C-alpha atoms as a PDB file:
ATOM      1  CA  MET A   1      15.664 -43.913  11.394  1.00  0.00           C
ATOM      2  CA  PRO A   2      18.983 -42.042  11.742  1.00  0.00           C
ATOM      3  CA  LYS A   3      19.283 -39.397  14.427  1.00  0.00           C
ATOM      4  CA  ARG A   4      19.367 -35.799  13.348  1.00  0.00           C
ATOM      5  CA  ALA A   5      22.611 -33.915  13.703  1.00  0.00           C
ATOM      6  CA  ARG A   6      22.328 -31.247  16.377  1.00  0.00           C
ATOM      7  CA  LYS A   7      23.387 -27.758  15.438  1.00  0.00           C
ATOM      8  CA  GLU A   8      23.966 -26.624  19.016  1.00  0.00           C
ATOM      9  CA  PRO A   9      26.853 -27.956  21.102  1.00  0.00           C
ATOM     10  CA  GLN A  10      25.867 -30.237  23.970  1.00  0.00           C
ATOM     11  CA  ASP A  11      28.534 -29.120  26.448  1.00  0.00           C
ATOM     12  CA  VAL A  12      28.621 -25.650  28.041  1.00  0.00           C
ATOM     13  CA  ASN A  13      32.284 -25.276  27.133  1.00  0.00           C
ATOM     14  CA  GLN A  14      31.595 -26.137  23.514  1.00  0.00           C
ATOM     15  CA  TRP A  15      28.733 -23.666  23.514  1.00  0.00           C
ATOM     16  CA  ALA A  16      30.983 -20.889  24.939  1.00  0.00           C
ATOM     17  CA  HIS A  17      33.682 -21.715  22.394  1.00  0.00           C
ATOM     18  CA  ASP A  18      31.107 -21.497  19.605  1.00  0.00           C
ATOM     19  CA  ILE A  19      29.930 -18.058  20.818  1.00  0.00           C
ATOM     20  CA  VAL A  20      33.491 -16.699  20.983  1.00  0.00           C
ATOM     21  CA  LYS A  21      34.241 -18.173  17.564  1.00  0.00           C
ATOM     22  CA  ARG A  22      31.172 -16.504  16.028  1.00  0.00           C
ATOM     23  CA  SER A  23      31.816 -13.139  17.659  1.00  0.00           C
ATOM     24  CA  THR A  24      35.457 -12.965  16.559  1.00  0.00           C
ATOM     25  CA  ALA A  25      34.958 -14.390  13.066  1.00  0.00           C
ATOM     26  CA  GLU A  26      35.340 -12.252   9.985  1.00  0.00           C
ATOM     27  CA  PRO A  27      32.026 -10.945   8.689  1.00  0.00           C
ATOM     28  CA  THR A  28      30.604 -12.836   5.747  1.00  0.00           C
ATOM     29  CA  ASP A  29      28.218 -11.807   3.036  1.00  0.00           C
ATOM     30  CA  GLU A  30      25.728 -14.509   4.005  1.00  0.00           C
ATOM     31  CA  PRO A  31      22.198 -13.250   4.529  1.00  0.00           C
ATOM     32  CA  VAL A  32      20.926 -13.137   8.081  1.00  0.00           C
ATOM     33  CA  LYS A  33      18.345 -15.813   8.831  1.00  0.00           C
ATOM     34  CA  LEU A  34      15.233 -14.134  10.177  1.00  0.00           C
ATOM     35  CA  ASN A  35      12.257 -15.658  11.881  1.00  0.00           C
ATOM     36  CA  PRO A  36       9.360 -15.507   9.369  1.00  0.00           C
ATOM     37  CA  SER A  37       6.710 -15.192  12.067  1.00  0.00           C
ATOM     38  CA  LEU A  38       8.546 -12.236  13.621  1.00  0.00           C
ATOM     39  CA  ILE A  39       8.825 -10.544  10.246  1.00  0.00           C
ATOM     40  CA  SER A  40       5.125 -11.108   9.692  1.00  0.00           C
ATOM     41  CA  GLN A  41       4.241  -9.529  13.035  1.00  0.00           C
ATOM     42  CA  VAL A  42       6.427  -6.482  12.404  1.00  0.00           C
ATOM     43  CA  MET A  43       5.066  -5.962   8.898  1.00  0.00           C
ATOM     44  CA  THR A  44       1.505  -6.330  10.175  1.00  0.00           C
ATOM     45  CA  GLU A  45       2.074  -3.609  12.752  1.00  0.00           C
ATOM     46  CA  LEU A  46       3.630  -1.309  10.146  1.00  0.00           C
ATOM     47  CA  GLY A  47       0.725  -1.927   7.796  1.00  0.00           C
ATOM     48  CA  ARG A  48      -1.800  -1.116  10.484  1.00  0.00           C
ATOM     49  CA  LYS A  49      -0.072   2.168  11.276  1.00  0.00           C
ATOM     50  CA  GLY A  50      -0.048   3.239   7.657  1.00  0.00           C
ATOM     51  CA  GLY A  51      -3.567   2.007   7.039  1.00  0.00           C
ATOM     52  CA  LYS A  52      -5.011   3.972   9.930  1.00  0.00           C
ATOM     53  CA  LYS A  53      -3.422   7.210   8.704  1.00  0.00           C
ATOM     54  CA  GLY A  54      -3.645   6.610   4.979  1.00  0.00           C
ATOM     55  CA  GLY A  55      -7.384   6.693   4.433  1.00  0.00           C
ATOM     56  CA  LYS A  56      -7.942   9.949   6.292  1.00  0.00           C
ATOM     57  CA  ASN A  57      -5.040  11.669   4.557  1.00  0.00           C
ATOM     58  CA  ARG A  58      -6.163  10.420   1.159  1.00  0.00           C
ATOM     59  CA  MET A  59      -9.711  11.633   1.691  1.00  0.00           C
ATOM     60  CA  ALA A  60      -8.441  15.044   2.841  1.00  0.00           C
ATOM     61  CA  MET A  61      -6.567  15.481  -0.456  1.00  0.00           C
ATOM     62  CA  LEU A  62      -9.506  14.536  -2.692  1.00  0.00           C
ATOM     63  CA  THR A  63     -12.063  16.964  -4.032  1.00  0.00           C
ATOM     64  CA  PRO A  64     -15.726  16.405  -3.102  1.00  0.00           C
ATOM     65  CA  GLU A  65     -16.431  15.119  -6.633  1.00  0.00           C
ATOM     66  CA  GLU A  66     -13.605  12.563  -6.437  1.00  0.00           C
ATOM     67  CA  ARG A  67     -14.854  11.388  -3.030  1.00  0.00           C
ATOM     68  CA  SER A  68     -18.337  11.010  -4.449  1.00  0.00           C
ATOM     69  CA  GLN A  69     -17.037   8.930  -7.374  1.00  0.00           C
ATOM     70  CA  LEU A  70     -15.096   6.664  -5.002  1.00  0.00           C
ATOM     71  CA  GLY A  71     -18.149   6.247  -2.805  1.00  0.00           C
ATOM     72  CA  THR A  72     -20.355   5.367  -5.763  1.00  0.00           C
ATOM     73  CA  LYS A  73     -17.819   2.820  -6.985  1.00  0.00           C
ATOM     74  CA  ALA A  74     -17.645   1.245  -3.510  1.00  0.00           C
ATOM     75  CA  VAL A  75     -21.428   1.001  -3.210  1.00  0.00           C
ATOM     76  CA  ARG A  76     -21.739  -0.630  -6.631  1.00  0.00           C
ATOM     77  CA  ALA A  77     -19.058  -3.168  -5.752  1.00  0.00           C
ATOM     78  CA  ARG A  78     -20.773  -3.930  -2.431  1.00  0.00           C
ATOM     79  CA  TRP A  79     -24.174  -4.429  -4.058  1.00  0.00           C
ATOM     80  CA  ALA A  80     -22.708  -6.565  -6.845  1.00  0.00           C
ATOM     81  CA  ARG A  81     -21.090  -8.810  -4.263  1.00  0.00           C
ATOM     82  CA  GLN A  82     -24.379  -9.167  -2.359  1.00  0.00           C
ATOM     83  CA  ARG A  83     -26.258 -10.058  -5.549  1.00  0.00           C
ATOM     84  CA  ARG A  84     -23.737 -12.780  -6.389  1.00  0.00           C
ATOM     85  CA  ALA A  85     -24.021 -14.269  -2.891  1.00  0.00           C
ATOM     86  CA  SER A  86     -27.837 -14.483  -3.093  1.00  0.00           C
END
């Protein structure tokens, strides 16, 4: 099996040269490669923040009749799910 080509320089001098070359290079329009797991963690945290606030704010804006309709719909969905599982 052929060896994989390494992307990082082996020698410290080559590594330093590569850093200087990257920092002084002209900017390109290439997209930045991001770590998918890091993106996932950040988006999860943002979603949690919004989710914790969102429900309370939404309920505060609804009229009592609208809240009652939402509650009835939720109960029916819950009971329908339980009946299917049985």
